[in-house]
Amino acid sequence: MGFFICTTLAFTCALLVPQAQAEGVGRMAMDGNYYEFQDIARAFNFTTFLWLYGSNYKIPKPSNIKCISVKISEVSEHGMNFSSEFIQNNASRTLNYSGIFYNSWNVTN
């Protein structure tokens, strides 16, 4: 009898506790009503110097890397060129990158 009460209680708790879900790219980026207004080249077309506050990748510890910044040098409708500037072991370093824009799928309602 105790087993059935515990099982019932466990299922009830599992159903009542909200489930955590990753938000991902859902929202406006995938909404068909806003697709025509999304312009990645326009979003990156600025001259502001950016400090990196966080990242979506892990920087290995100890990395001896600090003062990470991103500087965009060229943007077109096809891609962009940018550099990452940082200090590593008390020496200033720069890594150059190129990115190619691609179209994601369009989700319509």
N, C-alpha and C. Protein backbone atom coordinates (compact mmCIF):
# COMPACT_ATOMS: atom_id res chain seq x y z
N MET A 1 0.82 -1.20 0.00
CA MET A 1 0.00 0.00 0.00
C MET A 1 0.86 1.26 0.00
N GLY A 2 1.93 1.25 0.82
CA GLY A 2 2.82 2.40 0.88
C GLY A 2 3.49 2.67 -0.46
N PHE A 3 3.80 1.59 -1.21
CA PHE A 3 4.43 1.73 -2.52
C PHE A 3 3.52 2.51 -3.47
N PHE A 4 2.23 2.16 -3.47
CA PHE A 4 1.28 2.83 -4.37
C PHE A 4 1.09 4.30 -4.01
N ILE A 5 1.10 4.60 -2.73
CA ILE A 5 0.97 5.99 -2.29
C ILE A 5 2.19 6.79 -2.72
N CYS A 6 3.38 6.22 -2.52
CA CYS A 6 4.62 6.91 -2.93
C CYS A 6 4.67 7.10 -4.44
N THR A 7 4.26 6.08 -5.19
CA THR A 7 4.26 6.17 -6.65
C THR A 7 3.29 7.24 -7.13
N THR A 8 2.10 7.26 -6.56
CA THR A 8 1.10 8.27 -6.91
C THR A 8 1.60 9.67 -6.57
N LEU A 9 2.20 9.81 -5.41
CA LEU A 9 2.74 11.10 -4.99
C LEU A 9 3.86 11.55 -5.93
N ALA A 10 4.73 10.63 -6.34
CA ALA A 10 5.84 10.97 -7.24
C ALA A 10 5.31 11.44 -8.59
N PHE A 11 4.33 10.74 -9.16
CA PHE A 11 3.75 11.15 -10.44
C PHE A 11 3.05 12.50 -10.33
N THR A 12 2.36 12.74 -9.24
CA THR A 12 1.67 14.01 -9.04
C THR A 12 2.67 15.16 -8.97
N CYS A 13 3.76 14.96 -8.22
CA CYS A 13 4.80 16.00 -8.13
C CYS A 13 5.43 16.26 -9.48
N ALA A 14 5.69 15.19 -10.23
CA ALA A 14 6.32 15.33 -11.55
C ALA A 14 5.43 16.13 -12.50
N LEU A 15 4.13 15.95 -12.39
CA LEU A 15 3.21 16.67 -13.27
C LEU A 15 3.01 18.12 -12.86
N LEU A 16 3.14 18.41 -11.57
CA LEU A 16 2.89 19.76 -11.09
C LEU A 16 4.11 20.67 -11.16
N VAL A 17 5.30 20.10 -11.16
CA VAL A 17 6.53 20.89 -11.21
C VAL A 17 6.76 21.33 -12.65
N PRO A 18 6.93 22.63 -12.90
CA PRO A 18 7.16 23.09 -14.28
C PRO A 18 8.46 22.52 -14.83
N GLN A 19 8.42 22.18 -16.08
CA GLN A 19 9.60 21.62 -16.73
C GLN A 19 10.45 22.75 -17.29
N ALA A 20 11.76 22.68 -17.07
CA ALA A 20 12.68 23.67 -17.62
C ALA A 20 12.97 23.30 -19.06
N GLN A 21 12.86 24.28 -19.95
CA GLN A 21 13.14 24.04 -21.36
C GLN A 21 14.11 25.10 -21.86
N ALA A 22 15.02 24.68 -22.72
CA ALA A 22 15.94 25.63 -23.33
C ALA A 22 15.16 26.52 -24.29
N GLU A 23 15.47 27.81 -24.28
CA GLU A 23 14.73 28.74 -25.13
C GLU A 23 15.24 28.75 -26.55
N GLY A 24 16.52 28.54 -26.75
CA GLY A 24 17.05 28.45 -28.10
C GLY A 24 16.78 29.66 -28.95
N VAL A 25 16.58 29.44 -30.23
CA VAL A 25 16.41 30.51 -31.19
C VAL A 25 14.94 30.74 -31.51
N GLY A 26 14.03 30.09 -30.81
CA GLY A 26 12.60 30.18 -31.05
C GLY A 26 12.11 31.58 -31.33
N ARG A 27 11.54 32.19 -30.49
CA ARG A 27 11.00 33.54 -30.48
C ARG A 27 10.92 34.22 -31.84
N MET A 28 11.30 35.47 -31.90
CA MET A 28 11.11 36.30 -33.08
C MET A 28 11.97 35.85 -34.26
N ALA A 29 13.13 35.26 -33.99
CA ALA A 29 14.02 34.87 -35.08
C ALA A 29 13.38 33.84 -36.00
N MET A 30 12.45 33.06 -35.49
CA MET A 30 11.84 32.01 -36.28
C MET A 30 10.40 32.31 -36.67
N ASP A 31 9.90 33.47 -36.33
CA ASP A 31 8.51 33.81 -36.62
C ASP A 31 8.39 34.32 -38.05
N GLY A 32 7.55 33.68 -38.84
CA GLY A 32 7.37 34.06 -40.24
C GLY A 32 6.93 35.49 -40.44
N ASN A 33 6.24 36.08 -39.47
CA ASN A 33 5.77 37.47 -39.60
C ASN A 33 6.92 38.47 -39.58
N TYR A 34 8.06 38.11 -39.01
CA TYR A 34 9.18 39.03 -38.89
C TYR A 34 10.34 38.67 -39.81
N TYR A 35 10.19 37.62 -40.59
CA TYR A 35 11.30 37.13 -41.40
C TYR A 35 11.84 38.19 -42.36
N GLU A 36 10.96 38.96 -42.98
CA GLU A 36 11.41 39.96 -43.95
C GLU A 36 12.18 41.11 -43.29
N PHE A 37 12.04 41.29 -41.98
CA PHE A 37 12.72 42.38 -41.28
C PHE A 37 14.07 41.96 -40.71
N GLN A 38 14.43 40.70 -40.84
CA GLN A 38 15.69 40.21 -40.29
C GLN A 38 16.80 40.42 -41.32
N ASP A 39 17.78 41.23 -40.97
CA ASP A 39 18.88 41.55 -41.87
C ASP A 39 20.18 41.45 -41.07
N ILE A 40 20.86 40.32 -41.18
CA ILE A 40 22.06 40.08 -40.39
C ILE A 40 23.18 41.06 -40.75
N ALA A 41 23.30 41.41 -42.02
CA ALA A 41 24.33 42.37 -42.43
C ALA A 41 24.08 43.72 -41.79
N ARG A 42 22.84 44.15 -41.73
CA ARG A 42 22.50 45.43 -41.10
C ARG A 42 22.75 45.37 -39.59
N ALA A 43 22.47 44.24 -38.98
CA ALA A 43 22.66 44.10 -37.53
C ALA A 43 24.13 44.24 -37.14
N PHE A 44 25.05 43.78 -37.99
CA PHE A 44 26.47 43.87 -37.68
C PHE A 44 27.15 45.08 -38.30
N ASN A 45 26.43 45.93 -39.00
CA ASN A 45 27.02 47.08 -39.67
C ASN A 45 27.11 48.27 -38.73
N PHE A 46 28.11 48.26 -37.87
CA PHE A 46 28.36 49.36 -36.95
C PHE A 46 29.86 49.43 -36.70
N THR A 47 30.32 50.54 -36.17
CA THR A 47 31.76 50.72 -35.98
C THR A 47 32.16 50.70 -34.51
N THR A 48 31.23 50.37 -33.65
CA THR A 48 31.51 50.38 -32.22
C THR A 48 32.46 49.25 -31.84
N PHE A 49 33.37 49.56 -30.97
CA PHE A 49 34.29 48.59 -30.39
C PHE A 49 33.54 47.85 -29.30
N LEU A 50 33.53 46.52 -29.32
CA LEU A 50 32.76 45.74 -28.36
C LEU A 50 33.65 44.97 -27.40
N TRP A 51 33.34 45.06 -26.13
CA TRP A 51 34.01 44.21 -25.13
C TRP A 51 33.20 42.94 -24.98
N LEU A 52 33.87 41.80 -24.93
CA LEU A 52 33.19 40.53 -24.76
C LEU A 52 32.90 40.31 -23.29
N TYR A 53 31.61 40.27 -22.95
CA TYR A 53 31.19 40.06 -21.57
C TYR A 53 30.98 38.58 -21.28
N GLY A 54 30.46 37.86 -22.24
CA GLY A 54 30.20 36.43 -22.07
C GLY A 54 30.35 35.74 -23.41
N SER A 55 30.34 34.43 -23.39
CA SER A 55 30.47 33.68 -24.63
C SER A 55 29.61 32.43 -24.56
N ASN A 56 29.34 31.85 -25.72
CA ASN A 56 28.59 30.61 -25.76
C ASN A 56 29.51 29.41 -25.96
N TYR A 57 30.78 29.60 -25.68
CA TYR A 57 31.75 28.52 -25.72
C TYR A 57 32.63 28.63 -24.48
N LYS A 58 33.26 27.54 -24.12
CA LYS A 58 34.09 27.54 -22.91
C LYS A 58 35.51 27.95 -23.25
N ILE A 59 36.03 28.89 -22.50
CA ILE A 59 37.44 29.27 -22.60
C ILE A 59 38.17 28.44 -21.55
N PRO A 60 39.13 27.61 -21.97
CA PRO A 60 39.78 26.71 -21.01
C PRO A 60 40.45 27.46 -19.87
N LYS A 61 40.40 26.89 -18.69
CA LYS A 61 41.03 27.47 -17.50
C LYS A 61 42.28 26.68 -17.19
N PRO A 62 43.39 27.22 -16.81
CA PRO A 62 43.64 28.66 -16.84
C PRO A 62 43.99 29.10 -18.25
N SER A 63 43.35 30.12 -18.72
CA SER A 63 43.56 30.55 -20.10
C SER A 63 44.53 31.72 -20.20
N ASN A 64 44.71 32.44 -19.09
CA ASN A 64 45.57 33.62 -19.10
C ASN A 64 45.13 34.63 -20.16
N ILE A 65 43.86 34.59 -20.52
CA ILE A 65 43.31 35.53 -21.50
C ILE A 65 42.40 36.50 -20.77
N LYS A 66 42.59 37.80 -21.06
CA LYS A 66 41.73 38.82 -20.46
C LYS A 66 41.54 39.96 -21.44
N CYS A 67 40.63 40.83 -21.12
CA CYS A 67 40.33 42.01 -21.94
C CYS A 67 40.00 41.62 -23.38
N ILE A 68 39.05 40.71 -23.55
CA ILE A 68 38.67 40.24 -24.88
C ILE A 68 37.73 41.24 -25.53
N SER A 69 38.02 41.60 -26.76
CA SER A 69 37.15 42.52 -27.50
C SER A 69 36.96 42.01 -28.92
N VAL A 70 35.93 42.52 -29.57
CA VAL A 70 35.63 42.16 -30.95
C VAL A 70 35.57 43.45 -31.76
N LYS A 71 36.22 43.45 -32.90
CA LYS A 71 36.22 44.61 -33.78
C LYS A 71 35.82 44.15 -35.18
N ILE A 72 34.74 44.71 -35.69
CA ILE A 72 34.25 44.35 -37.02
C ILE A 72 34.90 45.28 -38.04
N SER A 73 35.52 44.69 -39.07
CA SER A 73 36.23 45.51 -40.04
C SER A 73 35.47 45.67 -41.36
N GLU A 74 34.69 44.66 -41.75
CA GLU A 74 33.97 44.75 -43.02
C GLU A 74 32.72 43.88 -42.96
N VAL A 75 31.61 44.43 -43.46
CA VAL A 75 30.35 43.69 -43.50
C VAL A 75 29.74 43.85 -44.89
N SER A 76 29.30 42.75 -45.47
CA SER A 76 28.56 42.79 -46.73
C SER A 76 27.32 41.91 -46.57
N GLU A 77 26.52 41.82 -47.61
CA GLU A 77 25.33 40.97 -47.51
C GLU A 77 25.69 39.49 -47.50
N HIS A 78 26.94 39.16 -47.83
CA HIS A 78 27.37 37.76 -47.89
C HIS A 78 28.12 37.29 -46.65
N GLY A 79 28.72 38.22 -45.91
CA GLY A 79 29.50 37.81 -44.74
C GLY A 79 30.18 38.99 -44.09
N MET A 80 31.13 38.69 -43.22
CA MET A 80 31.83 39.76 -42.52
C MET A 80 33.23 39.32 -42.14
N ASN A 81 34.10 40.30 -41.96
CA ASN A 81 35.45 40.09 -41.45
C ASN A 81 35.54 40.81 -40.12
N PHE A 82 36.10 40.13 -39.14
CA PHE A 82 36.23 40.73 -37.82
C PHE A 82 37.45 40.16 -37.12
N SER A 83 37.85 40.81 -36.05
CA SER A 83 39.00 40.35 -35.29
C SER A 83 38.66 40.31 -33.81
N SER A 84 39.34 39.44 -33.13
CA SER A 84 39.23 39.33 -31.68
C SER A 84 40.57 39.78 -31.11
N GLU A 85 40.53 40.78 -30.26
CA GLU A 85 41.74 41.29 -29.65
C GLU A 85 41.70 40.98 -28.16
N PHE A 86 42.83 40.56 -27.61
CA PHE A 86 42.86 40.17 -26.21
C PHE A 86 44.29 40.24 -25.69
N ILE A 87 44.43 40.11 -24.40
CA ILE A 87 45.74 40.07 -23.75
C ILE A 87 45.93 38.66 -23.22
N GLN A 88 47.04 38.03 -23.61
CA GLN A 88 47.37 36.69 -23.14
C GLN A 88 48.81 36.69 -22.65
N ASN A 89 48.99 36.28 -21.41
CA ASN A 89 50.32 36.27 -20.78
C ASN A 89 51.00 37.63 -20.90
N ASN A 90 50.24 38.68 -20.64
CA ASN A 90 50.72 40.07 -20.66
C ASN A 90 51.17 40.54 -22.04
N ALA A 91 50.74 39.87 -23.10
CA ALA A 91 51.05 40.29 -24.46
C ALA A 91 49.75 40.48 -25.24
N SER A 92 49.69 41.55 -26.02
CA SER A 92 48.51 41.83 -26.82
C SER A 92 48.49 40.93 -28.05
N ARG A 93 47.33 40.32 -28.33
CA ARG A 93 47.21 39.42 -29.48
C ARG A 93 45.95 39.76 -30.26
N THR A 94 45.98 39.43 -31.55
CA THR A 94 44.83 39.63 -32.43
C THR A 94 44.63 38.38 -33.28
N LEU A 95 43.40 37.91 -33.35
CA LEU A 95 43.04 36.81 -34.24
C LEU A 95 42.01 37.33 -35.23
N ASN A 96 42.25 37.09 -36.51
CA ASN A 96 41.34 37.55 -37.56
C ASN A 96 40.40 36.42 -37.98
N TYR A 97 39.15 36.78 -38.23
CA TYR A 97 38.13 35.81 -38.61
C TYR A 97 37.35 36.31 -39.81
N SER A 98 36.77 35.38 -40.55
CA SER A 98 35.82 35.68 -41.62
C SER A 98 34.59 34.84 -41.38
N GLY A 99 33.43 35.43 -41.57
CA GLY A 99 32.17 34.71 -41.41
C GLY A 99 31.33 34.83 -42.65
N ILE A 100 30.65 33.75 -43.01
CA ILE A 100 29.76 33.75 -44.17
C ILE A 100 28.33 33.64 -43.66
N PHE A 101 27.47 34.53 -44.09
CA PHE A 101 26.06 34.48 -43.71
C PHE A 101 25.35 33.43 -44.54
N TYR A 102 24.41 32.76 -43.94
CA TYR A 102 23.58 31.81 -44.67
C TYR A 102 22.13 32.01 -44.24
N ASN A 103 21.24 31.57 -45.06
CA ASN A 103 19.81 31.70 -44.76
C ASN A 103 19.35 30.53 -43.92
N SER A 104 18.64 30.84 -42.86
CA SER A 104 18.02 29.78 -42.08
C SER A 104 16.64 29.48 -42.66
N TRP A 105 16.06 28.44 -42.20
CA TRP A 105 14.73 28.08 -42.67
C TRP A 105 13.69 29.08 -42.19
N ASN A 106 12.68 29.25 -42.95
CA ASN A 106 11.60 30.17 -42.61
C ASN A 106 10.46 29.36 -41.98
N VAL A 107 10.05 29.77 -40.81
CA VAL A 107 8.94 29.11 -40.14
C VAL A 107 7.72 30.00 -40.28
N THR A 108 6.68 29.46 -40.83
CA THR A 108 5.44 30.24 -40.98
C THR A 108 4.39 29.69 -40.05
N ASN A 109 3.50 30.57 -39.67
CA ASN A 109 2.41 30.16 -38.76
C ASN A 109 1.24 29.62 -39.53
